[in-house]
Each structure stands twice: as C-alpha cells, then as structure tokens.
Protein backbone atom coordinates (compact mmCIF):
# COMPACT_ATOMS: atom_id res chain seq x y z
CA UNK A 1 -115.38 109.96 -39.32
CA UNK A 2 -112.33 109.87 -41.49
CA UNK A 3 -109.16 111.21 -39.89
CA UNK A 4 -105.92 111.30 -41.77
CA UNK A 5 -102.45 111.76 -40.40
CA UNK A 6 -100.07 113.59 -42.65
CA UNK A 7 -96.50 114.53 -42.11
CA UNK A 8 -94.84 117.65 -43.36
CA UNK A 9 -91.31 118.81 -43.56
CA UNK A 10 -90.06 122.31 -43.96
CA UNK A 11 -86.73 123.46 -45.29
CA UNK A 12 -84.79 125.56 -42.82
CA UNK A 13 -82.24 126.75 -45.37
CA UNK A 14 -84.07 129.86 -46.51
CA UNK A 15 -82.33 133.21 -46.45
CA UNK A 16 -85.28 135.59 -46.38
CA UNK A 17 -86.64 136.65 -43.02
CA UNK A 18 -90.07 137.24 -44.55
CA UNK A 19 -90.01 133.75 -46.00
CA UNK A 20 -89.11 132.33 -42.59
CA UNK A 21 -92.03 134.23 -41.08
CA UNK A 22 -94.39 132.78 -43.69
CA UNK A 23 -93.09 129.28 -42.99
CA UNK A 24 -93.70 129.78 -39.27
CA UNK A 25 -97.27 130.90 -39.98
CA UNK A 26 -97.90 127.81 -42.14
CA UNK A 27 -96.54 125.55 -39.41
CA UNK A 28 -98.70 127.28 -36.80
CA UNK A 29 -101.74 126.65 -38.99
CA UNK A 30 -100.75 122.99 -39.28
CA UNK A 31 -100.54 122.86 -35.47
CA UNK A 32 -104.08 124.26 -35.21
CA UNK A 33 -105.32 121.73 -37.76
CA UNK A 34 -103.64 118.87 -35.90
CA UNK A 35 -105.07 120.04 -32.58
CA UNK A 36 -108.52 120.11 -34.20
CA UNK A 37 -108.00 116.53 -35.36
CA UNK A 38 -107.17 115.57 -31.77
CA UNK A 39 -110.43 117.14 -30.57
CA UNK A 40 -112.40 115.32 -33.27
CA UNK A 41 -110.69 112.09 -32.36
CA UNK A 42 -111.95 112.33 -28.79
CA UNK A 43 -115.57 112.27 -29.98
CA UNK A 44 -115.13 109.71 -32.76
CA UNK A 45 -116.71 106.26 -32.66
CA UNK A 46 -113.42 104.36 -33.06
CA UNK A 47 -112.40 101.67 -30.63
CA UNK A 48 -110.17 102.75 -27.74
CA UNK A 49 -107.01 101.13 -29.10
CA UNK A 50 -107.33 102.84 -32.48
CA UNK A 51 -108.05 106.17 -30.79
CA UNK A 52 -104.93 105.80 -28.67
CA UNK A 53 -102.75 105.03 -31.68
CA UNK A 54 -104.17 107.96 -33.62
CA UNK A 55 -103.72 110.22 -30.61
CA UNK A 56 -100.10 109.12 -30.22
CA UNK A 57 -99.42 109.82 -33.91
CA UNK A 58 -101.03 113.24 -33.72
CA UNK A 59 -98.99 114.08 -30.60
CA UNK A 60 -95.78 113.12 -32.41
CA UNK A 61 -96.82 115.27 -35.35
CA UNK A 62 -97.45 118.22 -33.02
CA UNK A 63 -94.00 117.81 -31.47
CA UNK A 64 -92.39 117.71 -34.92
CA UNK A 65 -94.21 120.86 -36.01
CA UNK A 66 -93.18 122.66 -32.82
CA UNK A 67 -89.56 121.60 -33.34
CA UNK A 68 -89.66 123.00 -36.88
CA UNK A 69 -91.01 126.30 -35.59
CA UNK A 70 -88.26 126.48 -32.97
CA UNK A 71 -85.60 125.82 -35.63
CA UNK A 72 -87.04 128.55 -37.84
CA UNK A 73 -87.17 130.98 -34.92
CA UNK A 74 -83.50 130.26 -34.16
CA UNK A 75 -82.70 130.87 -37.84
CA UNK A 76 -84.67 134.13 -37.77
CA UNK A 77 -82.80 135.29 -34.66
CA UNK A 78 -79.45 134.39 -36.25
CA UNK A 79 -80.37 136.34 -39.39
CA UNK A 80 -81.26 139.38 -37.29
CA UNK A 81 -78.00 139.09 -35.37
CA UNK A 82 -76.01 138.77 -38.62
CA UNK A 83 -77.77 141.81 -40.11
CA UNK A 84 -77.02 143.87 -37.00
CA UNK A 85 -73.36 142.83 -37.12
CA UNK A 86 -73.12 143.78 -40.80
CA UNK A 87 -74.75 147.14 -40.09
CA UNK A 88 -72.35 147.81 -37.22
CA UNK A 89 -69.34 146.80 -39.33
CA UNK A 90 -70.49 149.08 -42.15
CA UNK A 91 -70.91 151.98 -39.73
CA UNK A 92 -67.44 151.40 -38.27
CA UNK A 93 -65.99 151.21 -41.77
CA UNK A 94 -67.62 154.52 -42.69
CA UNK A 95 -66.25 156.13 -39.51
CA UNK A 96 -62.74 154.88 -40.29
CA UNK A 97 -62.92 156.15 -43.87
CA UNK A 98 -64.08 159.58 -42.67
CA UNK A 99 -61.25 159.79 -40.13
CA UNK A 100 -58.62 159.09 -42.79
CA UNK A 101 -59.74 161.84 -45.17
CA UNK A 102 -57.97 165.21 -44.90
CA UNK A 103 -60.08 168.09 -43.64
CA UNK A 104 -59.48 170.20 -46.75
CA UNK A 105 -58.45 168.65 -50.04
CA UNK A 106 -55.21 170.04 -51.45
CA UNK A 107 -53.95 171.31 -48.11
CA UNK A 108 -51.16 169.75 -46.15
CA UNK A 109 -50.82 170.18 -42.45
CA UNK A 110 -47.26 170.93 -41.40
CA UNK A 111 -46.29 170.55 -37.76
CA UNK A 112 -43.18 172.26 -36.39
C-alpha cells in the first residue's frame, strides 16, 4: 500500500462569497480524502512505528484543513455582515434623500 501525505494551503483573501463556498467544499473533500487515508492506514501492513507517524501526520493535516475551513467561514460571515451594513446604509441614505426633497417641485411653503 502506498500512502502519501500532502499538504495544501488555501488563500483566505478572496472577495467572492461563492468563491469562498467553493474553497470550503474543496477543503471538505480533502478532509474526506484524508480520513479515508487514515482508515486505509489502519489496515496496512506497515510496522507499528511507521503507522503511528503516518497517523500523526494525517491528524495534523486534518487539523490544518479544519482551521482553514473555520477561517473561510469567518470570512464568509464577515462578508455577509459587511453586505448587510452596506444595504442598511444605502437604505438610510435613500430615506434621507427622500426627506429632503420638496413635496411639489416649484412650490415654496410659507409659514406665518
């Protein structure tokens, strides 16, 4: 059996929410693949010491992948919060602009 340990890194500086979602899906697939490698390792014919080292490396890789997913989820939440704040600010700006316009153009209200 030939098991390989690979590391991956993912950029967290993306601006597109859809792109972040795709990155999360890729990382989740990598987690599944790594978990499968752990299962295969348990039934391999390697000596106990080698199995333990490989298992430790795979566990570290799983933790790194999970940390990347958590970072991307935080980024996704921040993007959603920023979008909601922009939408609210735009709505408040539209309300303020409407309040400042006269009811009828060309007419002046005179108060006595």
